[in-house]
Amino acid sequence: MPRVAISPEAITVIDQLRETHGELIFHQSGGCCDGSAPMCFPKDEFFIDDNDVLLGTVHDCPFYMSRFQFEYWKHTHLTLHVVPGRGASFSAEIPLGLRFVIESRLLTEEELAQLETLEGTE
């Protein structure tokens, strides 16, 4: 049971971005500049530390969120999607006239129980 999934459209954009930037990483922004938005960076251009939680991978890209923000989102399933438009962020897709967005839903009790068993939490 993954915490994060990806749409086919987002897969296509990631493939495009890899041609230019190589390996990529995602971080769910905590609200600065563009609200709460998924941000895509070349892997070596974003520093991950103990304050970040790995939610999973999307199309072979690690997807992180700050530990503080995760406390608010830990009951949700996220799907990375892409839409036309320009976000106000530094994310790698912005020059393409696109922006990554998150579609979310609450996890069911059964899904939460599966995740807790896998993650060894609570």
C-alpha atoms as a PDB file:
ATOM      1  CA  MET A   1       0.000   0.000   0.000  1.00  0.00           C
ATOM      2  CA  PRO A   2       1.916   3.061  -1.167  1.00  0.00           C
ATOM      3  CA  ARG A   3       1.311   6.476   0.390  1.00  0.00           C
ATOM      4  CA  VAL A   4       1.869   8.197  -2.932  1.00  0.00           C
ATOM      5  CA  ALA A   5       0.887   7.321  -6.510  1.00  0.00           C
ATOM      6  CA  ILE A   6       1.333   9.008  -9.887  1.00  0.00           C
ATOM      7  CA  SER A   7      -0.854   9.771 -12.892  1.00  0.00           C
ATOM      8  CA  PRO A   8       0.143   8.764 -16.442  1.00  0.00           C
ATOM      9  CA  GLU A   9       0.407  12.457 -17.385  1.00  0.00           C
ATOM     10  CA  ALA A  10       2.896  13.082 -14.581  1.00  0.00           C
ATOM     11  CA  ILE A  11       4.976  10.097 -15.740  1.00  0.00           C
ATOM     12  CA  THR A  12       5.276  11.692 -19.187  1.00  0.00           C
ATOM     13  CA  VAL A  13       6.461  14.997 -17.699  1.00  0.00           C
ATOM     14  CA  ILE A  14       8.994  13.266 -15.447  1.00  0.00           C
ATOM     15  CA  ASP A  15      10.426  11.498 -18.501  1.00  0.00           C
ATOM     16  CA  GLN A  16      10.816  14.887 -20.214  1.00  0.00           C
ATOM     17  CA  LEU A  17      12.464  16.439 -17.173  1.00  0.00           C
ATOM     18  CA  ARG A  18      14.917  13.558 -16.809  1.00  0.00           C
ATOM     19  CA  GLU A  19      16.244  14.261 -20.297  1.00  0.00           C
ATOM     20  CA  THR A  20      17.303  17.717 -19.117  1.00  0.00           C
ATOM     21  CA  HIS A  21      18.025  17.256 -15.408  1.00  0.00           C
ATOM     22  CA  GLY A  22      18.903  13.593 -14.860  1.00  0.00           C
ATOM     23  CA  GLU A  23      17.739  12.026 -11.586  1.00  0.00           C
ATOM     24  CA  LEU A  24      14.884  13.855  -9.869  1.00  0.00           C
ATOM     25  CA  ILE A  25      13.480  14.192  -6.378  1.00  0.00           C
ATOM     26  CA  PHE A  26      10.088  15.403  -5.129  1.00  0.00           C
ATOM     27  CA  HIS A  27       9.357  17.283  -1.946  1.00  0.00           C
ATOM     28  CA  GLN A  28       5.867  18.255  -0.844  1.00  0.00           C
ATOM     29  CA  SER A  29       6.239  21.951  -0.081  1.00  0.00           C
ATOM     30  CA  GLY A  30       5.094  23.180   3.296  1.00  0.00           C
ATOM     31  CA  GLY A  31       3.419  26.364   2.163  1.00  0.00           C
ATOM     32  CA  CYS A  32       6.073  28.939   1.287  1.00  0.00           C
ATOM     33  CA  CYS A  33       5.531  30.868  -1.952  1.00  0.00           C
ATOM     34  CA  ASP A  34       3.142  28.451  -3.683  1.00  0.00           C
ATOM     35  CA  GLY A  35       1.058  27.079  -0.858  1.00  0.00           C
ATOM     36  CA  SER A  36       1.395  23.361  -0.322  1.00  0.00           C
ATOM     37  CA  ALA A  37       2.605  21.977  -3.631  1.00  0.00           C
ATOM     38  CA  PRO A  38       4.779  19.128  -4.851  1.00  0.00           C
ATOM     39  CA  MET A  39       8.166  20.445  -5.922  1.00  0.00           C
ATOM     40  CA  CYS A  40      10.449  18.638  -8.389  1.00  0.00           C
ATOM     41  CA  PHE A  41      14.206  19.213  -8.308  1.00  0.00           C
ATOM     42  CA  PRO A  42      17.309  17.647  -9.820  1.00  0.00           C
ATOM     43  CA  LYS A  43      18.356  15.121  -7.169  1.00  0.00           C
ATOM     44  CA  ASP A  44      21.561  16.931  -6.154  1.00  0.00           C
ATOM     45  CA  GLU A  45      19.873  20.336  -5.834  1.00  0.00           C
ATOM     46  CA  PHE A  46      17.658  19.678  -2.822  1.00  0.00           C
ATOM     47  CA  PHE A  47      18.975  18.819   0.625  1.00  0.00           C
ATOM     48  CA  ILE A  48      17.076  16.108   2.506  1.00  0.00           C
ATOM     49  CA  ASP A  49      17.725  15.657   6.227  1.00  0.00           C
ATOM     50  CA  ASP A  50      16.262  14.047   9.348  1.00  0.00           C
ATOM     51  CA  ASN A  51      13.368  16.522   9.254  1.00  0.00           C
ATOM     52  CA  ASP A  52      12.021  14.908   6.064  1.00  0.00           C
ATOM     53  CA  VAL A  53       9.938  11.738   5.689  1.00  0.00           C
ATOM     54  CA  LEU A  54      10.226   9.509   2.625  1.00  0.00           C
ATOM     55  CA  LEU A  55       6.642   8.791   1.546  1.00  0.00           C
ATOM     56  CA  GLY A  56       7.682   6.488  -1.285  1.00  0.00           C
ATOM     57  CA  THR A  57       8.753   6.728  -4.893  1.00  0.00           C
ATOM     58  CA  VAL A  58       6.908   7.891  -7.988  1.00  0.00           C
ATOM     59  CA  HIS A  59       8.295   6.748 -11.336  1.00  0.00           C
ATOM     60  CA  ASP A  60      11.636   5.972  -9.618  1.00  0.00           C
ATOM     61  CA  CYS A  61      11.802   9.413  -7.969  1.00  0.00           C
ATOM     62  CA  PRO A  62      11.901   9.644  -4.159  1.00  0.00           C
ATOM     63  CA  PHE A  63       8.992  11.671  -2.768  1.00  0.00           C
ATOM     64  CA  TYR A  64       9.540  13.438   0.585  1.00  0.00           C
ATOM     65  CA  MET A  65       7.592  15.656   2.943  1.00  0.00           C
ATOM     66  CA  SER A  66       8.759  17.530   6.020  1.00  0.00           C
ATOM     67  CA  ARG A  67       8.196  15.585   9.244  1.00  0.00           C
ATOM     68  CA  PHE A  68       6.179  18.509  10.651  1.00  0.00           C
ATOM     69  CA  GLN A  69       3.854  18.598   7.648  1.00  0.00           C
ATOM     70  CA  PHE A  70       3.587  14.804   7.598  1.00  0.00           C
ATOM     71  CA  GLU A  71       1.811  14.971  10.959  1.00  0.00           C
ATOM     72  CA  TYR A  72      -1.066  16.747   9.167  1.00  0.00           C
ATOM     73  CA  TRP A  73      -1.006  14.538   6.059  1.00  0.00           C
ATOM     74  CA  LYS A  74      -0.282  11.093   7.532  1.00  0.00           C
ATOM     75  CA  HIS A  75      -3.915  10.023   7.130  1.00  0.00           C
ATOM     76  CA  THR A  76      -3.997  10.753   3.401  1.00  0.00           C
ATOM     77  CA  HIS A  77      -3.094   9.032   0.160  1.00  0.00           C
ATOM     78  CA  LEU A  78      -1.494  11.346  -2.391  1.00  0.00           C
ATOM     79  CA  THR A  79      -1.503  11.146  -6.178  1.00  0.00           C
ATOM     80  CA  LEU A  80       0.997  13.254  -8.120  1.00  0.00           C
ATOM     81  CA  HIS A  81      -0.621  14.804 -11.160  1.00  0.00           C
ATOM     82  CA  VAL A  82       0.267  17.588 -13.593  1.00  0.00           C
ATOM     83  CA  VAL A  83      -1.905  20.388 -14.985  1.00  0.00           C
ATOM     84  CA  PRO A  84      -1.377  23.268 -17.394  1.00  0.00           C
ATOM     85  CA  GLY A  85      -0.403  26.541 -15.791  1.00  0.00           C
ATOM     86  CA  ARG A  86       2.472  28.169 -14.075  1.00  0.00           C
ATOM     87  CA  GLY A  87       2.925  27.790 -10.361  1.00  0.00           C
ATOM     88  CA  ALA A  88       4.841  30.357  -8.347  1.00  0.00           C
ATOM     89  CA  SER A  89       7.578  27.907  -7.420  1.00  0.00           C
ATOM     90  CA  PHE A  90      11.077  26.846  -8.360  1.00  0.00           C
ATOM     91  CA  SER A  91       9.971  23.382  -9.415  1.00  0.00           C
ATOM     92  CA  ALA A  92      11.632  21.916 -12.529  1.00  0.00           C
ATOM     93  CA  GLU A  93       8.425  21.622 -14.600  1.00  0.00           C
ATOM     94  CA  ILE A  94       7.573  25.340 -14.474  1.00  0.00           C
ATOM     95  CA  PRO A  95       9.434  26.258 -17.731  1.00  0.00           C
ATOM     96  CA  LEU A  96       7.218  23.703 -19.537  1.00  0.00           C
ATOM     97  CA  GLY A  97       4.109  25.744 -18.713  1.00  0.00           C
ATOM     98  CA  LEU A  98       2.947  22.988 -16.376  1.00  0.00           C
ATOM     99  CA  ARG A  99       2.762  22.426 -12.655  1.00  0.00           C
ATOM    100  CA  PHE A 100       2.651  19.349 -10.510  1.00  0.00           C
ATOM    101  CA  VAL A 101      -0.317  19.126  -8.154  1.00  0.00           C
ATOM    102  CA  ILE A 102      -1.417  16.682  -5.493  1.00  0.00           C
ATOM    103  CA  GLU A 103      -4.788  15.014  -5.418  1.00  0.00           C
ATOM    104  CA  SER A 104      -5.465  13.578  -1.976  1.00  0.00           C
ATOM    105  CA  ARG A 105      -7.960  11.385  -0.218  1.00  0.00           C
ATOM    106  CA  LEU A 106      -8.250  10.081   3.320  1.00  0.00           C
ATOM    107  CA  LEU A 107      -6.872   6.609   3.846  1.00  0.00           C
ATOM    108  CA  THR A 108      -9.343   3.965   4.962  1.00  0.00           C
ATOM    109  CA  GLU A 109      -8.926   2.334   8.372  1.00  0.00           C
ATOM    110  CA  GLU A 110      -7.743  -0.835   6.616  1.00  0.00           C
ATOM    111  CA  GLU A 111      -5.145   1.092   4.589  1.00  0.00           C
ATOM    112  CA  LEU A 112      -3.902   2.862   7.724  1.00  0.00           C
ATOM    113  CA  ALA A 113      -3.516  -0.468   9.508  1.00  0.00           C
ATOM    114  CA  GLN A 114      -1.489  -1.851   6.571  1.00  0.00           C
ATOM    115  CA  LEU A 115       0.774   1.201   6.546  1.00  0.00           C
ATOM    116  CA  GLU A 116       1.340   1.078  10.299  1.00  0.00           C
ATOM    117  CA  THR A 117       2.363  -2.572  10.036  1.00  0.00           C
ATOM    118  CA  LEU A 118       4.744  -1.863   7.156  1.00  0.00           C
ATOM    119  CA  GLU A 119       6.250   1.256   8.730  1.00  0.00           C
ATOM    120  CA  GLY A 120       6.426  -0.200  12.234  1.00  0.00           C
ATOM    121  CA  THR A 121       4.588   2.782  13.694  1.00  0.00           C
ATOM    122  CA  GLU A 122       2.029   3.021  16.456  1.00  0.00           C
END
